[in-house]
Amino acid sequence: MSPPPTHRFDPARFLTPKPLAGGAPALVILNQPVPRLDVFERLWTHAAYRLCADGGANRLFDMCDDPSNTKSNGHHEEDAAAAGCRERFLPSVIHGDLDSLRDDVRDWYASRGVPISRDLDQYSTDFGKAIKKVTVEHCNRTAGAGQTKNGCTESRDGAAGQEHTANGVEQDGSGDAGTDILILCTLAGRVDQGLGLLYEMLRTHNQHNALRLWLFSESSVSFILPPGENRIAVRAGFFTENVGILPAFGPATISTSGLEWDVSDWYTCVTGNVSTSNHVKAEEVVVRTDASVLFTIEREERLP
């Protein structure tokens, strides 16, 4: 019997100002307020492909109107600073059904040569359309840079018992470390939309399990831990001790180490035991699970 797969995660790597080793991620900006400029700037800098999902372009455009984001004083300085900010943050593409994209925003980005593409699939959300676009465009780009194109669409099957490190993740039996997609959003709005986003994450993970989705909200980072052994690096200065492991996608049996309240063969489900308020007590947290769970860790108020 082959050993269980091992997955290694290092979420702080996307928050550090240092250049990333390995392939650059894609960034998806949803139609929600940009939560924090310092986090946004670092995610933007690391990304090679930046997609605004429909009204996400409005949010990016309006972000530059906030004087606190541009450090301007007075009306004329604000106008100049906002224009400079927008020129600095030009997305790779604006994509979706475009029913939320304002005319002034569309015209401005179009005048700067930003591609604007339309997807009229009424059975897919803005997030689903964005992931489909990223899967095609970003994965083709990374394939051209020497990475395996099929790593964006194929499952991670291979000889068991072999580990390698790339893009911040180790995976047993993998011929390709896959592609990271950073999702900038907020979970402070409508509950149904927040839950819908989580389920879209799982569906994408199941359909393209060489994609790794990282959800950056107002104060935390969330990502899916697949079945097997998961090792999460918790770098000092980037995260608080607050952490949760949620059976958001169905019941799971988990064992942990590195937490204040570790568990062993612990059954967790949304109608029973749930670990929502645990504390990190080590530089690495280990979670063994028989089903996918959502791991969430709180960011520090200020990035180092």
C-alpha atoms as a PDB file:
ATOM      1  CA  MET A   1       0.000   0.000   0.000  1.00  0.00           C
ATOM      2  CA  SER A   2       1.434   3.376  -1.001  1.00  0.00           C
ATOM      3  CA  PRO A   3       2.038   6.034   1.679  1.00  0.00           C
ATOM      4  CA  PRO A   4      -0.421   8.931   1.919  1.00  0.00           C
ATOM      5  CA  PRO A   5       0.439  12.051  -0.109  1.00  0.00           C
ATOM      6  CA  THR A   6       2.292  14.919   1.565  1.00  0.00           C
ATOM      7  CA  HIS A   7       1.514  18.561   0.764  1.00  0.00           C
ATOM      8  CA  ARG A   8       3.587  21.497   2.013  1.00  0.00           C
ATOM      9  CA  PHE A   9       2.190  25.048   2.143  1.00  0.00           C
ATOM     10  CA  ASP A  10       3.947  28.370   2.747  1.00  0.00           C
ATOM     11  CA  PRO A  11       1.307  31.145   2.511  1.00  0.00           C
ATOM     12  CA  ALA A  12       3.705  33.864   3.697  1.00  0.00           C
ATOM     13  CA  ARG A  13       5.714  33.578   0.502  1.00  0.00           C
ATOM     14  CA  PHE A  14       3.058  35.621  -1.310  1.00  0.00           C
ATOM     15  CA  LEU A  15       3.187  38.350   1.348  1.00  0.00           C
ATOM     16  CA  THR A  16       6.936  38.845   1.438  1.00  0.00           C
ATOM     17  CA  PRO A  17       8.498  41.671  -0.621  1.00  0.00           C
ATOM     18  CA  LYS A  18      11.185  39.279  -1.867  1.00  0.00           C
ATOM     19  CA  PRO A  19      10.896  37.840  -5.403  1.00  0.00           C
ATOM     20  CA  LEU A  20       9.320  34.402  -5.609  1.00  0.00           C
ATOM     21  CA  ALA A  21      11.299  31.314  -6.510  1.00  0.00           C
ATOM     22  CA  GLY A  22       9.651  29.175  -9.161  1.00  0.00           C
ATOM     23  CA  GLY A  23       6.654  30.078 -11.280  1.00  0.00           C
ATOM     24  CA  ALA A  24       4.735  33.299 -10.691  1.00  0.00           C
ATOM     25  CA  PRO A  25       1.072  33.024  -9.646  1.00  0.00           C
ATOM     26  CA  ALA A  26      -2.032  34.502 -11.231  1.00  0.00           C
ATOM     27  CA  LEU A  27      -4.117  37.114  -9.392  1.00  0.00           C
ATOM     28  CA  VAL A  28      -7.923  37.341  -9.570  1.00  0.00           C
ATOM     29  CA  ILE A  29      -9.646  40.529  -8.339  1.00  0.00           C
ATOM     30  CA  LEU A  30     -13.342  39.991  -7.613  1.00  0.00           C
ATOM     31  CA  ASN A  31     -16.111  42.597  -7.521  1.00  0.00           C
ATOM     32  CA  GLN A  32     -15.586  43.452  -3.869  1.00  0.00           C
ATOM     33  CA  PRO A  33     -13.689  46.247  -2.106  1.00  0.00           C
ATOM     34  CA  VAL A  34      -9.913  45.862  -2.128  1.00  0.00           C
ATOM     35  CA  PRO A  35      -9.382  45.060   1.564  1.00  0.00           C
ATOM     36  CA  ARG A  36      -5.829  46.298   2.232  1.00  0.00           C
ATOM     37  CA  LEU A  37      -3.450  48.174  -0.037  1.00  0.00           C
ATOM     38  CA  ASP A  38      -0.265  46.718   1.491  1.00  0.00           C
ATOM     39  CA  VAL A  39      -1.480  43.170   0.902  1.00  0.00           C
ATOM     40  CA  PHE A  40      -2.767  44.059  -2.565  1.00  0.00           C
ATOM     41  CA  GLU A  41       0.559  45.574  -3.652  1.00  0.00           C
ATOM     42  CA  ARG A  42       2.540  42.494  -2.669  1.00  0.00           C
ATOM     43  CA  LEU A  43       0.143  40.086  -4.350  1.00  0.00           C
ATOM     44  CA  TRP A  44       0.130  42.267  -7.474  1.00  0.00           C
ATOM     45  CA  THR A  45       3.929  42.417  -7.574  1.00  0.00           C
ATOM     46  CA  HIS A  46       4.291  38.644  -7.385  1.00  0.00           C
ATOM     47  CA  ALA A  47       1.639  37.889 -10.027  1.00  0.00           C
ATOM     48  CA  ALA A  48       2.475  37.413 -13.696  1.00  0.00           C
ATOM     49  CA  TYR A  49      -1.148  37.387 -14.886  1.00  0.00           C
ATOM     50  CA  ARG A  50      -3.743  39.707 -13.304  1.00  0.00           C
ATOM     51  CA  LEU A  51      -7.427  39.304 -14.052  1.00  0.00           C
ATOM     52  CA  CYS A  52     -10.260  41.592 -12.995  1.00  0.00           C
ATOM     53  CA  ALA A  53     -13.470  39.586 -12.820  1.00  0.00           C
ATOM     54  CA  ASP A  54     -16.104  41.880 -14.355  1.00  0.00           C
ATOM     55  CA  GLY A  55     -16.860  44.534 -11.691  1.00  0.00           C
ATOM     56  CA  GLY A  56     -13.507  43.800 -10.084  1.00  0.00           C
ATOM     57  CA  ALA A  57     -12.193  46.364 -12.572  1.00  0.00           C
ATOM     58  CA  ASN A  58     -14.439  48.979 -10.917  1.00  0.00           C
ATOM     59  CA  ARG A  59     -12.882  48.118  -7.554  1.00  0.00           C
ATOM     60  CA  LEU A  60      -9.351  48.396  -8.907  1.00  0.00           C
ATOM     61  CA  PHE A  61     -10.168  51.707 -10.596  1.00  0.00           C
ATOM     62  CA  ASP A  62     -11.872  53.160  -7.495  1.00  0.00           C
ATOM     63  CA  MET A  63      -9.096  52.009  -5.178  1.00  0.00           C
ATOM     64  CA  CYS A  64      -6.938  54.767  -6.622  1.00  0.00           C
ATOM     65  CA  ASP A  65      -9.474  57.455  -5.652  1.00  0.00           C
ATOM     66  CA  ASP A  66      -8.751  56.880  -1.962  1.00  0.00           C
ATOM     67  CA  PRO A  67      -6.202  59.546  -0.860  1.00  0.00           C
ATOM     68  CA  SER A  68      -4.910  57.205   1.843  1.00  0.00           C
ATOM     69  CA  ASN A  69      -3.825  54.803  -0.903  1.00  0.00           C
ATOM     70  CA  THR A  70      -2.030  57.455  -2.955  1.00  0.00           C
ATOM     71  CA  LYS A  71      -0.632  59.680  -0.172  1.00  0.00           C
ATOM     72  CA  SER A  72      -1.853  62.857  -1.837  1.00  0.00           C
ATOM     73  CA  ASN A  73      -2.832  66.246  -0.404  1.00  0.00           C
ATOM     74  CA  GLY A  74      -5.316  68.584  -2.055  1.00  0.00           C
ATOM     75  CA  HIS A  75      -7.639  68.166  -5.021  1.00  0.00           C
ATOM     76  CA  HIS A  76      -5.097  68.549  -7.843  1.00  0.00           C
ATOM     77  CA  GLU A  77      -2.608  66.246  -6.172  1.00  0.00           C
ATOM     78  CA  GLU A  78      -5.370  63.692  -5.656  1.00  0.00           C
ATOM     79  CA  ASP A  79      -6.245  63.714  -9.363  1.00  0.00           C
ATOM     80  CA  ALA A  80      -2.617  63.287 -10.394  1.00  0.00           C
ATOM     81  CA  ALA A  81      -1.992  60.610  -7.790  1.00  0.00           C
ATOM     82  CA  ALA A  82      -5.103  58.665  -8.807  1.00  0.00           C
ATOM     83  CA  ALA A  83      -4.054  58.743 -12.463  1.00  0.00           C
ATOM     84  CA  GLY A  84      -0.569  57.544 -11.579  1.00  0.00           C
ATOM     85  CA  CYS A  85      -1.988  54.792  -9.416  1.00  0.00           C
ATOM     86  CA  ARG A  86      -4.202  53.515 -12.227  1.00  0.00           C
ATOM     87  CA  GLU A  87      -1.341  53.543 -14.714  1.00  0.00           C
ATOM     88  CA  ARG A  88       0.709  51.518 -12.262  1.00  0.00           C
ATOM     89  CA  PHE A  89      -1.952  48.851 -11.763  1.00  0.00           C
ATOM     90  CA  LEU A  90      -3.068  47.891 -15.278  1.00  0.00           C
ATOM     91  CA  PRO A  91      -4.580  44.382 -15.309  1.00  0.00           C
ATOM     92  CA  SER A  92      -3.749  41.743 -17.891  1.00  0.00           C
ATOM     93  CA  VAL A  93      -7.436  41.361 -18.778  1.00  0.00           C
ATOM     94  CA  ILE A  94     -10.974  42.244 -17.681  1.00  0.00           C
ATOM     95  CA  HIS A  95     -13.224  39.211 -18.080  1.00  0.00           C
ATOM     96  CA  GLY A  96     -16.815  38.190 -17.326  1.00  0.00           C
ATOM     97  CA  ASP A  97     -20.330  38.800 -18.576  1.00  0.00           C
ATOM     98  CA  LEU A  98     -19.532  42.520 -18.085  1.00  0.00           C
ATOM     99  CA  ASP A  99     -22.927  43.394 -16.633  1.00  0.00           C
ATOM    100  CA  SER A 100     -21.248  45.068 -13.640  1.00  0.00           C
ATOM    101  CA  LEU A 101     -18.453  46.876 -15.483  1.00  0.00           C
ATOM    102  CA  ARG A 102     -19.064  50.645 -15.527  1.00  0.00           C
ATOM    103  CA  ASP A 103     -18.784  52.478 -18.834  1.00  0.00           C
ATOM    104  CA  ASP A 104     -16.205  54.956 -17.547  1.00  0.00           C
ATOM    105  CA  VAL A 105     -14.031  52.133 -16.236  1.00  0.00           C
ATOM    106  CA  ARG A 106     -14.362  50.140 -19.460  1.00  0.00           C
ATOM    107  CA  ASP A 107     -13.437  53.181 -21.563  1.00  0.00           C
ATOM    108  CA  TRP A 108     -10.426  54.088 -19.433  1.00  0.00           C
ATOM    109  CA  TYR A 109      -8.865  50.627 -19.414  1.00  0.00           C
ATOM    110  CA  ALA A 110      -9.663  50.100 -23.099  1.00  0.00           C
ATOM    111  CA  SER A 111      -7.817  53.346 -23.877  1.00  0.00           C
ATOM    112  CA  ARG A 112      -4.770  51.849 -22.131  1.00  0.00           C
ATOM    113  CA  GLY A 113      -4.890  48.712 -24.238  1.00  0.00           C
ATOM    114  CA  VAL A 114      -6.222  46.373 -21.551  1.00  0.00           C
ATOM    115  CA  PRO A 115      -8.067  43.446 -23.216  1.00  0.00           C
ATOM    116  CA  ILE A 116     -11.757  43.172 -22.266  1.00  0.00           C
ATOM    117  CA  SER A 117     -13.384  39.810 -22.984  1.00  0.00           C
ATOM    118  CA  ARG A 118     -16.960  38.676 -22.509  1.00  0.00           C
ATOM    119  CA  ASP A 119     -18.278  35.322 -21.270  1.00  0.00           C
ATOM    120  CA  LEU A 120     -22.068  34.969 -21.435  1.00  0.00           C
ATOM    121  CA  ASP A 121     -22.271  31.614 -19.631  1.00  0.00           C
ATOM    122  CA  GLN A 122     -25.270  32.150 -17.323  1.00  0.00           C
ATOM    123  CA  TYR A 123     -24.540  28.943 -15.399  1.00  0.00           C
ATOM    124  CA  SER A 124     -21.189  30.192 -14.148  1.00  0.00           C
ATOM    125  CA  THR A 125     -20.389  32.891 -11.583  1.00  0.00           C
ATOM    126  CA  ASP A 126     -17.864  35.684 -12.093  1.00  0.00           C
ATOM    127  CA  PHE A 127     -15.418  33.574 -10.097  1.00  0.00           C
ATOM    128  CA  GLY A 128     -16.043  30.516 -12.252  1.00  0.00           C
ATOM    129  CA  LYS A 129     -15.565  32.512 -15.448  1.00  0.00           C
ATOM    130  CA  ALA A 130     -12.357  34.018 -14.062  1.00  0.00           C
ATOM    131  CA  ILE A 131     -10.878  30.655 -13.121  1.00  0.00           C
ATOM    132  CA  LYS A 132     -11.716  29.245 -16.561  1.00  0.00           C
ATOM    133  CA  LYS A 133      -9.965  32.188 -18.211  1.00  0.00           C
ATOM    134  CA  VAL A 134      -6.933  31.927 -15.934  1.00  0.00           C
ATOM    135  CA  THR A 135      -6.686  28.188 -16.531  1.00  0.00           C
ATOM    136  CA  VAL A 136      -6.386  28.758 -20.274  1.00  0.00           C
ATOM    137  CA  GLU A 137      -4.363  31.973 -20.468  1.00  0.00           C
ATOM    138  CA  HIS A 138      -2.030  31.796 -17.466  1.00  0.00           C
ATOM    139  CA  CYS A 139      -1.310  28.099 -17.848  1.00  0.00           C
ATOM    140  CA  ASN A 140      -0.413  28.594 -21.501  1.00  0.00           C
ATOM    141  CA  ARG A 141       1.992  31.359 -20.482  1.00  0.00           C
ATOM    142  CA  THR A 142       3.705  29.253 -17.826  1.00  0.00           C
ATOM    143  CA  ALA A 143       3.927  26.357 -20.279  1.00  0.00           C
ATOM    144  CA  GLY A 144       5.770  28.673 -22.635  1.00  0.00           C
ATOM    145  CA  ALA A 145       8.165  29.541 -19.816  1.00  0.00           C
ATOM    146  CA  GLY A 146       9.182  25.910 -19.456  1.00  0.00           C
ATOM    147  CA  GLN A 147       6.569  24.532 -17.071  1.00  0.00           C
ATOM    148  CA  THR A 148       4.362  21.580 -17.929  1.00  0.00           C
ATOM    149  CA  LYS A 149       1.215  22.845 -19.635  1.00  0.00           C
ATOM    150  CA  ASN A 150      -0.842  19.845 -18.532  1.00  0.00           C
ATOM    151  CA  GLY A 151       0.042  20.610 -14.933  1.00  0.00           C
ATOM    152  CA  CYS A 152      -2.746  23.178 -15.054  1.00  0.00           C
ATOM    153  CA  THR A 153      -5.430  20.697 -16.000  1.00  0.00           C
ATOM    154  CA  GLU A 154      -4.385  17.182 -15.102  1.00  0.00           C
ATOM    155  CA  SER A 155      -4.555  15.375 -11.769  1.00  0.00           C
ATOM    156  CA  ARG A 156      -1.400  14.766  -9.763  1.00  0.00           C
ATOM    157  CA  ASP A 157      -0.760  11.073 -10.395  1.00  0.00           C
ATOM    158  CA  GLY A 158       2.609   9.404 -10.349  1.00  0.00           C
ATOM    159  CA  ALA A 159       5.008   7.265  -8.410  1.00  0.00           C
ATOM    160  CA  ALA A 160       4.220   7.359  -4.719  1.00  0.00           C
ATOM    161  CA  GLY A 161       6.777   8.229  -2.112  1.00  0.00           C
ATOM    162  CA  GLN A 162       8.574  10.983  -4.045  1.00  0.00           C
ATOM    163  CA  GLU A 163       8.567  14.557  -2.748  1.00  0.00           C
ATOM    164  CA  HIS A 164       9.687  17.726  -4.441  1.00  0.00           C
ATOM    165  CA  THR A 165       9.355  21.411  -3.677  1.00  0.00           C
ATOM    166  CA  ALA A 166       8.167  24.091  -6.099  1.00  0.00           C
ATOM    167  CA  ASN A 167       5.952  27.140  -5.772  1.00  0.00           C
ATOM    168  CA  GLY A 168       5.816  26.682  -2.017  1.00  0.00           C
ATOM    169  CA  VAL A 169       4.220  23.213  -2.062  1.00  0.00           C
ATOM    170  CA  GLU A 170       5.578  19.693  -1.785  1.00  0.00           C
ATOM    171  CA  GLN A 171       3.415  16.912  -3.153  1.00  0.00           C
ATOM    172  CA  ASP A 172       3.911  13.161  -3.199  1.00  0.00           C
ATOM    173  CA  GLY A 173       3.769  11.482  -6.545  1.00  0.00           C
ATOM    174  CA  SER A 174       3.645  14.702  -8.529  1.00  0.00           C
ATOM    175  CA  GLY A 175       5.339  15.390 -11.803  1.00  0.00           C
ATOM    176  CA  ASP A 176       4.283  19.042 -11.642  1.00  0.00           C
ATOM    177  CA  ALA A 177       3.794  21.366  -8.694  1.00  0.00           C
ATOM    178  CA  GLY A 178       0.926  23.108 -10.473  1.00  0.00           C
ATOM    179  CA  THR A 179      -0.166  26.725 -10.627  1.00  0.00           C
ATOM    180  CA  ASP A 180      -1.060  29.134  -7.823  1.00  0.00           C
ATOM    181  CA  ILE A 181      -4.073  31.436  -8.157  1.00  0.00           C
ATOM    182  CA  LEU A 182      -4.345  34.268  -5.631  1.00  0.00           C
ATOM    183  CA  ILE A 183      -7.918  35.456  -5.081  1.00  0.00           C
ATOM    184  CA  LEU A 184      -8.478  38.925  -3.644  1.00  0.00           C
ATOM    185  CA  CYS A 185     -11.904  39.223  -2.073  1.00  0.00           C
ATOM    186  CA  THR A 186     -13.902  39.959   1.054  1.00  0.00           C
ATOM    187  CA  LEU A 187     -16.014  37.570   3.123  1.00  0.00           C
ATOM    188  CA  ALA A 188     -17.724  40.383   5.028  1.00  0.00           C
ATOM    189  CA  GLY A 189     -20.670  40.806   2.674  1.00  0.00           C
ATOM    190  CA  ARG A 190     -23.554  38.474   1.874  1.00  0.00           C
ATOM    191  CA  VAL A 191     -23.326  35.076   3.533  1.00  0.00           C
ATOM    192  CA  ASP A 192     -24.660  33.232   0.476  1.00  0.00           C
ATOM    193  CA  GLN A 193     -22.008  34.782  -1.757  1.00  0.00           C
ATOM    194  CA  GLY A 194     -19.254  33.948   0.719  1.00  0.00           C
ATOM    195  CA  LEU A 195     -20.346  30.315   0.941  1.00  0.00           C
ATOM    196  CA  GLY A 196     -20.763  30.187  -2.818  1.00  0.00           C
ATOM    197  CA  LEU A 197     -17.167  31.323  -3.249  1.00  0.00           C
ATOM    198  CA  LEU A 198     -15.919  28.551  -0.944  1.00  0.00           C
ATOM    199  CA  TYR A 199     -17.819  25.903  -2.880  1.00  0.00           C
ATOM    200  CA  GLU A 200     -16.534  27.320  -6.175  1.00  0.00           C
ATOM    201  CA  MET A 201     -13.024  26.916  -4.745  1.00  0.00           C
ATOM    202  CA  LEU A 202     -13.630  23.244  -4.006  1.00  0.00           C
ATOM    203  CA  ARG A 203     -15.211  22.591  -7.393  1.00  0.00           C
ATOM    204  CA  THR A 204     -12.240  24.196  -9.128  1.00  0.00           C
ATOM    205  CA  HIS A 205      -9.837  22.214  -6.939  1.00  0.00           C
ATOM    206  CA  ASN A 206     -11.595  18.965  -7.870  1.00  0.00           C
ATOM    207  CA  GLN A 207     -11.746  19.773 -11.579  1.00  0.00           C
ATOM    208  CA  HIS A 208      -8.167  21.066 -11.851  1.00  0.00           C
ATOM    209  CA  ASN A 209      -6.332  19.601  -8.899  1.00  0.00           C
ATOM    210  CA  ALA A 210      -2.983  20.942 -10.053  1.00  0.00           C
ATOM    211  CA  LEU A 211      -4.358  24.438  -9.396  1.00  0.00           C
ATOM    212  CA  ARG A 212      -3.872  25.816  -5.892  1.00  0.00           C
ATOM    213  CA  LEU A 213      -6.280  28.533  -4.793  1.00  0.00           C
ATOM    214  CA  TRP A 214      -5.338  31.038  -2.082  1.00  0.00           C
ATOM    215  CA  LEU A 215      -8.140  33.237  -0.741  1.00  0.00           C
ATOM    216  CA  PHE A 216      -6.920  36.600   0.621  1.00  0.00           C
ATOM    217  CA  SER A 217      -9.737  38.344   2.500  1.00  0.00           C
ATOM    218  CA  GLU A 218      -9.767  41.365   4.811  1.00  0.00           C
ATOM    219  CA  SER A 219      -7.749  39.788   7.615  1.00  0.00           C
ATOM    220  CA  SER A 220      -6.887  36.206   6.733  1.00  0.00           C
ATOM    221  CA  VAL A 221      -5.610  33.692   4.204  1.00  0.00           C
ATOM    222  CA  SER A 222      -7.631  30.552   3.423  1.00  0.00           C
ATOM    223  CA  PHE A 223      -6.753  27.531   1.307  1.00  0.00           C
ATOM    224  CA  ILE A 224      -7.846  23.943   0.799  1.00  0.00           C
ATOM    225  CA  LEU A 225      -5.994  21.104   2.508  1.00  0.00           C
ATOM    226  CA  PRO A 226      -6.501  17.958   0.407  1.00  0.00           C
ATOM    227  CA  PRO A 227      -6.624  14.425   1.833  1.00  0.00           C
ATOM    228  CA  GLY A 228      -3.300  13.220   3.207  1.00  0.00           C
ATOM    229  CA  GLU A 229      -0.635  14.922   5.301  1.00  0.00           C
ATOM    230  CA  ASN A 230      -0.463  18.718   5.056  1.00  0.00           C
ATOM    231  CA  ARG A 231       2.430  20.743   6.483  1.00  0.00           C
ATOM    232  CA  ILE A 232       1.833  24.478   6.806  1.00  0.00           C
ATOM    233  CA  ALA A 233       4.736  26.848   7.506  1.00  0.00           C
ATOM    234  CA  VAL A 234       3.747  29.684   9.858  1.00  0.00           C
ATOM    235  CA  ARG A 235       6.343  32.434   9.501  1.00  0.00           C
ATOM    236  CA  ALA A 236       6.737  34.839  12.408  1.00  0.00           C
ATOM    237  CA  GLY A 237       5.580  38.385  11.710  1.00  0.00           C
ATOM    238  CA  PHE A 238       3.089  37.477   8.979  1.00  0.00           C
ATOM    239  CA  PHE A 239       0.386  35.700  10.957  1.00  0.00           C
ATOM    240  CA  THR A 240      -1.245  35.782  14.362  1.00  0.00           C
ATOM    241  CA  GLU A 241      -1.841  32.621  16.365  1.00  0.00           C
ATOM    242  CA  ASN A 242      -5.516  32.426  15.340  1.00  0.00           C
ATOM    243  CA  VAL A 243      -6.382  29.540  13.040  1.00  0.00           C
ATOM    244  CA  GLY A 244      -9.379  27.462  12.005  1.00  0.00           C
ATOM    245  CA  ILE A 245      -9.829  24.126  10.239  1.00  0.00           C
ATOM    246  CA  LEU A 246     -13.315  23.911   8.766  1.00  0.00           C
ATOM    247  CA  PRO A 247     -15.074  20.890   7.245  1.00  0.00           C
ATOM    248  CA  ALA A 248     -16.654  23.296   4.766  1.00  0.00           C
ATOM    249  CA  PHE A 249     -16.915  20.679   2.026  1.00  0.00           C
ATOM    250  CA  GLY A 250     -18.168  17.698   4.036  1.00  0.00           C
ATOM    251  CA  PRO A 251     -17.268  15.586   7.093  1.00  0.00           C
ATOM    252  CA  ALA A 252     -13.616  14.744   7.726  1.00  0.00           C
ATOM    253  CA  THR A 253     -11.476  12.942  10.277  1.00  0.00           C
ATOM    254  CA  ILE A 254      -8.372  14.945  11.164  1.00  0.00           C
ATOM    255  CA  SER A 255      -5.254  14.708  13.324  1.00  0.00           C
ATOM    256  CA  THR A 256      -3.106  17.758  14.075  1.00  0.00           C
ATOM    257  CA  SER A 257       0.176  18.832  15.629  1.00  0.00           C
ATOM    258  CA  GLY A 258       1.532  22.314  16.316  1.00  0.00           C
ATOM    259  CA  LEU A 259      -1.731  23.704  17.710  1.00  0.00           C
ATOM    260  CA  GLU A 260      -2.723  24.612  21.249  1.00  0.00           C
ATOM    261  CA  TRP A 261      -5.570  22.107  21.097  1.00  0.00           C
ATOM    262  CA  ASP A 262      -4.305  19.237  18.956  1.00  0.00           C
ATOM    263  CA  VAL A 263      -6.621  16.382  18.041  1.00  0.00           C
ATOM    264  CA  SER A 264      -6.156  12.771  16.989  1.00  0.00           C
ATOM    265  CA  ASP A 265      -8.554  10.953  14.654  1.00  0.00           C
ATOM    266  CA  TRP A 266     -11.119  13.665  15.382  1.00  0.00           C
ATOM    267  CA  TYR A 267     -14.360  13.601  13.424  1.00  0.00           C
ATOM    268  CA  THR A 268     -15.443  17.072  12.329  1.00  0.00           C
ATOM    269  CA  CYS A 269     -18.564  18.198  10.460  1.00  0.00           C
ATOM    270  CA  VAL A 270     -20.653  21.367  10.202  1.00  0.00           C
ATOM    271  CA  THR A 271     -23.382  19.892  12.417  1.00  0.00           C
ATOM    272  CA  GLY A 272     -20.948  18.621  15.061  1.00  0.00           C
ATOM    273  CA  ASN A 273     -17.396  19.337  16.203  1.00  0.00           C
ATOM    274  CA  VAL A 274     -15.712  22.236  14.388  1.00  0.00           C
ATOM    275  CA  SER A 275     -12.287  23.769  15.100  1.00  0.00           C
ATOM    276  CA  THR A 276     -12.860  27.496  14.530  1.00  0.00           C
ATOM    277  CA  SER A 277     -10.771  29.146  17.261  1.00  0.00           C
ATOM    278  CA  ASN A 278      -7.524  27.249  17.669  1.00  0.00           C
ATOM    279  CA  HIS A 279      -4.058  28.718  18.229  1.00  0.00           C
ATOM    280  CA  VAL A 280      -0.754  28.063  16.471  1.00  0.00           C
ATOM    281  CA  LYS A 281       2.031  27.035  18.862  1.00  0.00           C
ATOM    282  CA  ALA A 282       4.784  25.959  16.449  1.00  0.00           C
ATOM    283  CA  GLU A 283       6.567  27.143  13.311  1.00  0.00           C
ATOM    284  CA  GLU A 284       4.890  24.349  11.390  1.00  0.00           C
ATOM    285  CA  VAL A 285       1.363  22.996  11.698  1.00  0.00           C
ATOM    286  CA  VAL A 286       0.645  19.458  10.519  1.00  0.00           C
ATOM    287  CA  VAL A 287      -2.886  18.419   9.547  1.00  0.00           C
ATOM    288  CA  ARG A 288      -3.691  14.877   8.462  1.00  0.00           C
ATOM    289  CA  THR A 289      -7.136  14.496   6.957  1.00  0.00           C
ATOM    290  CA  ASP A 290      -9.154  11.935   5.024  1.00  0.00           C
ATOM    291  CA  ALA A 291     -11.170  14.599   3.174  1.00  0.00           C
ATOM    292  CA  SER A 292     -10.640  18.163   1.961  1.00  0.00           C
ATOM    293  CA  VAL A 293     -10.891  20.850   4.662  1.00  0.00           C
ATOM    294  CA  LEU A 294     -10.525  24.636   4.618  1.00  0.00           C
ATOM    295  CA  PHE A 295      -7.540  26.028   6.536  1.00  0.00           C
ATOM    296  CA  THR A 296      -7.732  29.693   7.588  1.00  0.00           C
ATOM    297  CA  ILE A 297      -5.075  31.699   9.389  1.00  0.00           C
ATOM    298  CA  GLU A 298      -5.278  35.333  10.479  1.00  0.00           C
ATOM    299  CA  ARG A 299      -2.745  37.834   9.136  1.00  0.00           C
ATOM    300  CA  GLU A 300      -0.904  40.302  11.317  1.00  0.00           C
ATOM    301  CA  GLU A 301      -2.217  43.871  11.215  1.00  0.00           C
ATOM    302  CA  ARG A 302       1.036  45.047   9.605  1.00  0.00           C
ATOM    303  CA  LEU A 303       3.222  43.090   7.240  1.00  0.00           C
ATOM    304  CA  PRO A 304       6.959  42.873   7.983  1.00  0.00           C
END
